[in-house]
Amino acid sequence: MGNRDRRQRIHYEAVRLNKLIYGTADFDRGAYYSKIVRLYLDLLPYLEVQRKAYKERLLNR
C-alpha cells in the first residue's frame, strides 16, 4: 500500500464516525466529509484486490 493510500485510509478512519473534533468558522464539515468518503470509495476496489491476494498468499503457504 502506498503512502497516498495510507493517508486516504487514515483520513477515512478520522471522519468515519462523523464526530467533529476540531473546526474553524470557515471549515465546511459536510464538504470535507464528502470528499474523504468519495476518495475512500474510489480506493476500496483496490483494497479488496489487495486483501484477496494477501489472503490467498497466506492460505497457499
N, C-alpha and C. Protein backbone atom coordinates (compact mmCIF):
# COMPACT_ATOMS: atom_id res chain seq x y z
N MET A 1 0.87 -1.18 0.00
CA MET A 1 0.00 0.00 0.00
C MET A 1 0.91 1.23 0.00
N GLY A 2 0.64 2.16 -0.90
CA GLY A 2 1.46 3.36 -1.00
C GLY A 2 1.10 4.39 0.07
N ASN A 3 1.93 5.41 0.19
CA ASN A 3 1.69 6.46 1.18
C ASN A 3 0.37 7.17 0.94
N ARG A 4 0.05 7.39 -0.34
CA ARG A 4 -1.21 8.07 -0.66
C ARG A 4 -2.40 7.24 -0.17
N ASP A 5 -2.33 5.93 -0.41
CA ASP A 5 -3.40 5.04 0.03
C ASP A 5 -3.53 5.04 1.56
N ARG A 6 -2.40 5.04 2.22
CA ARG A 6 -2.41 5.07 3.70
C ARG A 6 -3.05 6.37 4.21
N ARG A 7 -2.69 7.48 3.58
CA ARG A 7 -3.25 8.77 4.00
C ARG A 7 -4.76 8.77 3.81
N GLN A 8 -5.22 8.25 2.67
CA GLN A 8 -6.66 8.22 2.42
C GLN A 8 -7.36 7.34 3.45
N ARG A 9 -6.74 6.22 3.79
CA ARG A 9 -7.33 5.33 4.80
C ARG A 9 -7.38 6.02 6.16
N ILE A 10 -6.33 6.72 6.53
CA ILE A 10 -6.30 7.44 7.81
C ILE A 10 -7.34 8.54 7.82
N HIS A 11 -7.44 9.29 6.73
CA HIS A 11 -8.46 10.34 6.65
C HIS A 11 -9.85 9.75 6.79
N TYR A 12 -10.08 8.62 6.12
CA TYR A 12 -11.39 7.98 6.21
C TYR A 12 -11.69 7.54 7.64
N GLU A 13 -10.72 6.93 8.28
CA GLU A 13 -10.93 6.48 9.67
C GLU A 13 -11.21 7.67 10.58
N ALA A 14 -10.61 8.82 10.27
CA ALA A 14 -10.83 10.01 11.09
C ALA A 14 -12.24 10.56 10.95
N VAL A 15 -12.85 10.43 9.77
CA VAL A 15 -14.19 11.00 9.57
C VAL A 15 -15.29 9.95 9.60
N ARG A 16 -14.93 8.69 9.65
CA ARG A 16 -15.89 7.59 9.53
C ARG A 16 -17.06 7.72 10.50
N LEU A 17 -16.82 8.07 11.73
CA LEU A 17 -17.88 8.17 12.72
C LEU A 17 -18.59 9.51 12.71
N ASN A 18 -18.12 10.44 11.86
CA ASN A 18 -18.74 11.75 11.68
C ASN A 18 -18.87 12.53 12.99
N LYS A 19 -17.81 12.48 13.79
CA LYS A 19 -17.76 13.24 15.03
C LYS A 19 -16.69 14.32 14.89
N LEU A 20 -17.11 15.56 14.96
CA LEU A 20 -16.19 16.68 14.79
C LEU A 20 -15.30 16.84 16.02
N ILE A 21 -14.00 16.87 15.81
CA ILE A 21 -13.04 17.05 16.89
C ILE A 21 -12.60 18.50 16.97
N TYR A 22 -12.36 19.09 15.80
CA TYR A 22 -11.89 20.47 15.75
C TYR A 22 -12.42 21.11 14.47
N GLY A 23 -12.82 22.35 14.53
CA GLY A 23 -13.28 23.07 13.34
C GLY A 23 -13.11 24.56 13.53
N THR A 24 -13.06 25.27 12.42
CA THR A 24 -12.99 26.72 12.45
C THR A 24 -14.23 27.26 11.76
N ALA A 25 -14.41 28.56 11.84
CA ALA A 25 -15.61 29.19 11.27
C ALA A 25 -15.72 28.95 9.77
N ASP A 26 -14.59 28.89 9.07
CA ASP A 26 -14.64 28.72 7.62
C ASP A 26 -14.53 27.26 7.18
N PHE A 27 -14.55 26.34 8.11
CA PHE A 27 -14.44 24.91 7.81
C PHE A 27 -15.80 24.36 7.38
N ASP A 28 -15.86 23.79 6.19
CA ASP A 28 -17.10 23.20 5.68
C ASP A 28 -17.07 21.71 5.98
N ARG A 29 -17.68 21.35 7.07
CA ARG A 29 -17.65 19.97 7.56
C ARG A 29 -18.24 18.99 6.54
N GLY A 30 -19.36 19.32 5.97
CA GLY A 30 -20.01 18.44 5.02
C GLY A 30 -19.19 18.20 3.77
N ALA A 31 -18.58 19.26 3.24
CA ALA A 31 -17.77 19.13 2.03
C ALA A 31 -16.54 18.28 2.30
N TYR A 32 -15.92 18.47 3.46
CA TYR A 32 -14.73 17.69 3.79
C TYR A 32 -15.08 16.21 3.96
N TYR A 33 -16.15 15.95 4.69
CA TYR A 33 -16.60 14.57 4.91
C TYR A 33 -16.89 13.89 3.57
N SER A 34 -17.61 14.59 2.71
CA SER A 34 -17.97 14.05 1.41
C SER A 34 -16.73 13.74 0.57
N LYS A 35 -15.77 14.65 0.59
CA LYS A 35 -14.54 14.47 -0.19
C LYS A 35 -13.79 13.23 0.28
N ILE A 36 -13.62 13.08 1.59
CA ILE A 36 -12.87 11.96 2.14
C ILE A 36 -13.58 10.64 1.85
N VAL A 37 -14.89 10.60 2.01
CA VAL A 37 -15.63 9.36 1.74
C VAL A 37 -15.54 9.00 0.26
N ARG A 38 -15.65 9.98 -0.63
CA ARG A 38 -15.53 9.70 -2.06
C ARG A 38 -14.15 9.17 -2.42
N LEU A 39 -13.10 9.76 -1.85
CA LEU A 39 -11.74 9.28 -2.11
C LEU A 39 -11.58 7.85 -1.61
N TYR A 40 -12.12 7.56 -0.44
CA TYR A 40 -12.01 6.21 0.11
C TYR A 40 -12.79 5.20 -0.75
N LEU A 41 -13.97 5.57 -1.18
CA LEU A 41 -14.76 4.66 -2.00
C LEU A 41 -14.09 4.40 -3.35
N ASP A 42 -13.35 5.38 -3.86
CA ASP A 42 -12.57 5.17 -5.08
C ASP A 42 -11.44 4.18 -4.84
N LEU A 43 -10.88 4.19 -3.64
CA LEU A 43 -9.77 3.33 -3.29
C LEU A 43 -10.22 1.92 -2.92
N LEU A 44 -11.44 1.76 -2.48
CA LEU A 44 -11.94 0.50 -1.94
C LEU A 44 -11.76 -0.70 -2.87
N PRO A 45 -12.03 -0.61 -4.18
CA PRO A 45 -11.81 -1.78 -5.04
C PRO A 45 -10.36 -2.28 -5.01
N TYR A 46 -9.41 -1.36 -4.94
CA TYR A 46 -8.00 -1.74 -4.87
C TYR A 46 -7.68 -2.42 -3.54
N LEU A 47 -8.29 -1.94 -2.47
CA LEU A 47 -8.08 -2.58 -1.17
C LEU A 47 -8.64 -3.99 -1.16
N GLU A 48 -9.77 -4.19 -1.81
CA GLU A 48 -10.37 -5.53 -1.88
C GLU A 48 -9.45 -6.49 -2.64
N VAL A 49 -8.88 -6.04 -3.76
CA VAL A 49 -7.95 -6.88 -4.52
C VAL A 49 -6.74 -7.20 -3.67
N GLN A 50 -6.23 -6.21 -2.97
CA GLN A 50 -5.06 -6.41 -2.12
C GLN A 50 -5.37 -7.41 -1.00
N ARG A 51 -6.52 -7.27 -0.35
CA ARG A 51 -6.90 -8.20 0.72
C ARG A 51 -7.04 -9.62 0.20
N LYS A 52 -7.64 -9.76 -0.97
CA LYS A 52 -7.84 -11.09 -1.57
C LYS A 52 -6.50 -11.74 -1.88
N ALA A 53 -5.59 -10.99 -2.48
CA ALA A 53 -4.27 -11.52 -2.81
C ALA A 53 -3.50 -11.91 -1.55
N TYR A 54 -3.61 -11.09 -0.52
CA TYR A 54 -2.93 -11.37 0.75
C TYR A 54 -3.49 -12.65 1.38
N LYS A 55 -4.80 -12.79 1.35
CA LYS A 55 -5.44 -13.98 1.91
C LYS A 55 -5.01 -15.23 1.16
N GLU A 56 -4.96 -15.15 -0.17
CA GLU A 56 -4.52 -16.29 -0.97
C GLU A 56 -3.08 -16.67 -0.67
N ARG A 57 -2.21 -15.66 -0.50
CA ARG A 57 -0.82 -15.96 -0.16
C ARG A 57 -0.73 -16.66 1.18
N LEU A 58 -1.52 -16.22 2.15
CA LEU A 58 -1.48 -16.86 3.46
C LEU A 58 -2.01 -18.29 3.42
N LEU A 59 -3.04 -18.53 2.65
CA LEU A 59 -3.64 -19.85 2.58
C LEU A 59 -2.80 -20.84 1.76
N ASN A 60 -1.99 -20.33 0.85
CA ASN A 60 -1.19 -21.20 -0.02
C ASN A 60 0.26 -21.29 0.41
N ARG A 61 0.55 -21.09 1.64
CA ARG A 61 1.93 -21.20 2.13
C ARG A 61 2.39 -22.61 2.15
